[in-house]
Amino acid sequence: MKDVLARAAQIELVVFDVDGVLTDGSLFVGDDGQEYKAFHSRDGFGIKLLKESGVAIGVITARSSNVVQHRMDNLGIEHVYQGQLEKLPAFEELVAKLGLTPEQAAYVGDDVVDLPVMRRAGLAIAVQDAHPLAKQHAHWQTPHNGGHGAARDVCELIMEAHNTLDAQLNKFLYE
């Protein structure tokens, strides 16, 4: 865990996959073709706290969905890359755009399509219910499954490594 916290202390950007990470991977499609996804509210709140701590947030997903854009807008996430069947070029573009190195970026994935970015990022994270190969190439695994608190786990890990977690949580302890 010491190595993970040392890596996490260097992170200035966290990039999340969507399906299987910010959601549980379920896709609900209505008769009209409208797609629906469920996001965990604690994950969203963790992302907001991490942003307030000064860490940039991005999303790279292979699918394209209006509901994803709506949720990212709601969370104030500006760096949204949808329809990225190959995620590594989007990751490299985002890192360069922010003037960072890959070592300063964490990537959270759940499946083999995430491996190219996981292998390039300074901190590779797999959600608890990720594909075994994704887990094998991760520096750390979340205690929770994708869509069920995994993103909050990541946010709190990064804030702990940056020594901002207590300050973020203590503001809710009213006297």
Protein backbone atom coordinates (compact mmCIF):
# COMPACT_ATOMS: atom_id res chain seq x y z
CA MET A 1 0.00 0.00 0.00
CA LYS A 2 2.96 2.33 0.59
CA ASP A 3 3.85 2.17 -3.13
CA VAL A 4 0.24 2.90 -4.08
CA LEU A 5 0.10 5.96 -1.81
CA ALA A 6 3.44 7.18 -3.19
CA ARG A 7 2.07 6.88 -6.74
CA ALA A 8 -1.23 8.49 -5.70
CA ALA A 9 0.61 11.47 -4.19
CA GLN A 10 1.93 12.31 -7.69
CA ILE A 11 -1.51 12.27 -9.33
CA GLU A 12 -2.88 15.54 -10.77
CA LEU A 13 -5.47 13.93 -13.09
CA VAL A 14 -7.85 11.01 -12.57
CA VAL A 15 -9.47 9.51 -15.66
CA PHE A 16 -12.45 7.19 -15.31
CA ASP A 17 -13.96 4.70 -17.72
CA VAL A 18 -17.77 4.85 -17.57
CA ASP A 19 -19.43 1.46 -18.16
CA GLY A 20 -18.31 -0.90 -15.42
CA VAL A 21 -16.55 1.86 -13.43
CA LEU A 22 -18.93 4.79 -12.94
CA THR A 23 -21.82 2.38 -13.59
CA ASP A 24 -22.16 -1.32 -12.85
CA GLY A 25 -21.94 -2.01 -16.58
CA SER A 26 -25.66 -2.57 -17.07
CA LEU A 27 -27.19 -0.94 -20.13
CA PHE A 28 -30.91 -0.23 -20.07
CA VAL A 29 -32.39 0.48 -23.50
CA GLY A 30 -36.00 1.57 -23.97
CA ASP A 31 -38.26 0.62 -26.88
CA ASP A 32 -37.42 4.01 -28.41
CA GLY A 33 -33.70 3.21 -28.33
CA GLN A 34 -33.05 5.63 -25.46
CA GLU A 35 -30.21 4.40 -23.26
CA TYR A 36 -30.32 4.64 -19.47
CA LYS A 37 -27.54 4.14 -16.92
CA ALA A 38 -27.44 4.22 -13.13
CA PHE A 39 -24.72 6.24 -11.39
CA HIS A 40 -23.98 6.04 -7.66
CA SER A 41 -24.50 9.35 -5.85
CA ARG A 42 -21.55 8.78 -3.49
CA ASP A 43 -19.26 8.36 -6.49
CA GLY A 44 -20.42 11.70 -7.83
CA PHE A 45 -19.92 13.41 -4.49
CA GLY A 46 -16.42 11.92 -4.20
CA ILE A 47 -15.58 13.28 -7.64
CA LYS A 48 -16.78 16.74 -6.59
CA LEU A 49 -14.63 16.60 -3.43
CA LEU A 50 -11.59 15.48 -5.42
CA LYS A 51 -12.09 18.35 -7.87
CA GLU A 52 -12.31 20.77 -4.94
CA SER A 53 -8.97 19.34 -3.79
CA GLY A 54 -7.39 20.54 -7.04
CA VAL A 55 -7.23 17.29 -8.98
CA ALA A 56 -8.45 17.33 -12.58
CA ILE A 57 -11.06 14.75 -13.63
CA GLY A 58 -11.60 13.17 -17.03
CA VAL A 59 -13.71 10.46 -18.60
CA ILE A 60 -12.82 8.25 -21.54
CA THR A 61 -15.44 5.78 -22.75
CA ALA A 62 -15.82 3.58 -25.80
CA ARG A 63 -19.57 4.19 -26.03
CA SER A 64 -21.36 7.46 -26.78
CA SER A 65 -24.40 8.40 -24.77
CA ASN A 66 -26.38 11.55 -24.04
CA VAL A 67 -26.94 10.37 -20.48
CA VAL A 68 -23.17 10.22 -19.90
CA GLN A 69 -22.75 13.79 -21.15
CA HIS A 70 -25.63 14.92 -18.96
CA ARG A 71 -24.13 13.28 -15.85
CA MET A 72 -20.64 14.66 -16.55
CA ASP A 73 -22.09 18.15 -17.06
CA ASN A 74 -23.93 17.75 -13.73
CA LEU A 75 -20.63 16.85 -12.02
CA GLY A 76 -18.73 19.68 -13.73
CA ILE A 77 -16.41 17.33 -15.60
CA GLU A 78 -15.07 19.18 -18.64
CA HIS A 79 -12.78 16.50 -20.06
CA VAL A 80 -15.21 14.01 -21.61
CA TYR A 81 -14.11 11.72 -24.44
CA GLN A 82 -16.91 9.51 -25.77
CA GLY A 83 -16.84 7.04 -28.67
CA GLN A 84 -13.19 6.20 -28.02
CA LEU A 85 -12.79 2.58 -29.12
CA GLU A 86 -9.05 3.06 -28.65
CA LYS A 87 -8.65 5.00 -25.43
CA LEU A 88 -4.89 5.58 -25.37
CA PRO A 89 -4.88 8.43 -27.95
CA ALA A 90 -7.55 10.30 -25.96
CA PHE A 91 -5.59 9.74 -22.74
CA GLU A 92 -2.37 11.06 -24.30
CA GLU A 93 -4.23 14.06 -25.76
CA LEU A 94 -5.75 14.93 -22.37
CA VAL A 95 -2.46 14.57 -20.50
CA ALA A 96 -0.72 16.82 -23.05
CA LYS A 97 -3.59 19.35 -23.00
CA LEU A 98 -3.20 19.70 -19.22
CA GLY A 99 0.60 19.90 -19.43
CA LEU A 100 1.08 16.73 -17.40
CA THR A 101 3.08 13.53 -17.79
CA PRO A 102 1.39 10.10 -17.84
CA GLU A 103 2.97 9.46 -14.43
CA GLN A 104 0.84 12.29 -13.03
CA ALA A 105 -2.37 10.61 -14.22
CA ALA A 106 -4.41 7.78 -12.74
CA TYR A 107 -6.73 5.65 -14.85
CA VAL A 108 -9.62 3.60 -13.51
CA GLY A 109 -10.82 0.71 -15.65
CA ASP A 110 -12.63 -2.60 -15.53
CA ASP A 111 -11.94 -4.52 -18.73
CA VAL A 112 -9.27 -5.46 -21.27
CA VAL A 113 -10.09 -2.45 -23.48
CA ASP A 114 -8.69 -0.32 -20.64
CA LEU A 115 -5.31 -2.08 -20.54
CA PRO A 116 -3.40 0.20 -22.95
CA VAL A 117 -4.19 3.23 -20.77
CA MET A 118 -3.73 1.34 -17.50
CA ARG A 119 -0.26 0.27 -18.63
CA ARG A 120 0.65 3.88 -19.50
CA ALA A 121 -0.78 5.72 -16.48
CA GLY A 122 1.25 6.45 -13.37
CA LEU A 123 -1.45 4.82 -11.23
CA ALA A 124 -3.56 2.05 -12.77
CA ILE A 125 -6.67 1.16 -10.81
CA ALA A 126 -9.11 -1.68 -11.38
CA VAL A 127 -12.55 -1.84 -9.79
CA GLN A 128 -13.22 -4.83 -7.54
CA ASP A 129 -15.29 -6.72 -10.12
CA ALA A 130 -12.93 -6.00 -13.05
CA HIS A 131 -11.77 -8.59 -15.56
CA PRO A 132 -8.89 -10.66 -14.12
CA LEU A 133 -6.43 -9.28 -16.69
CA ALA A 134 -7.30 -5.70 -15.73
CA LYS A 135 -6.76 -6.60 -12.08
CA GLN A 136 -3.43 -8.20 -12.93
CA HIS A 137 -2.16 -4.94 -14.47
CA ALA A 138 -3.52 -2.65 -11.76
CA HIS A 139 -1.41 -1.04 -9.07
CA TRP A 140 -4.49 -1.02 -6.83
CA GLN A 141 -8.01 -2.49 -6.73
CA THR A 142 -10.98 -0.68 -5.25
CA PRO A 143 -12.80 -2.30 -2.33
CA HIS A 144 -16.13 -1.70 -4.10
CA ASN A 145 -17.49 -2.86 -7.46
CA GLY A 146 -17.92 -0.54 -10.40
CA GLY A 147 -21.01 1.63 -10.06
CA HIS A 148 -21.25 0.79 -6.36
CA GLY A 149 -18.75 3.15 -4.74
CA ALA A 150 -15.55 2.30 -6.64
CA ALA A 151 -15.07 5.87 -7.88
CA ARG A 152 -15.49 7.17 -4.32
CA ASP A 153 -12.79 4.69 -3.22
CA VAL A 154 -10.45 6.15 -5.84
CA CYS A 155 -11.23 9.76 -4.90
CA GLU A 156 -10.60 9.12 -1.22
CA LEU A 157 -7.34 7.27 -1.96
CA ILE A 158 -6.04 10.23 -3.98
CA MET A 159 -7.17 12.75 -1.37
CA GLU A 160 -5.55 10.66 1.39
CA ALA A 161 -2.27 10.63 -0.54
CA HIS A 162 -2.52 14.42 -1.06
CA ASN A 163 -3.37 14.97 2.62
CA THR A 164 -6.66 16.66 1.68
CA LEU A 165 -9.13 13.94 2.71
CA ASP A 166 -9.55 15.03 6.34
CA ALA A 167 -10.08 18.65 5.36
CA GLN A 168 -12.67 17.68 2.76
CA LEU A 169 -14.59 15.44 5.18
CA ASN A 170 -14.21 17.57 8.31
CA LYS A 171 -16.15 20.44 6.79
CA PHE A 172 -19.26 18.30 7.25
CA LEU A 173 -18.69 17.85 11.00
CA TYR A 174 -20.77 20.67 12.40
CA GLU A 175 -20.49 21.56 16.08
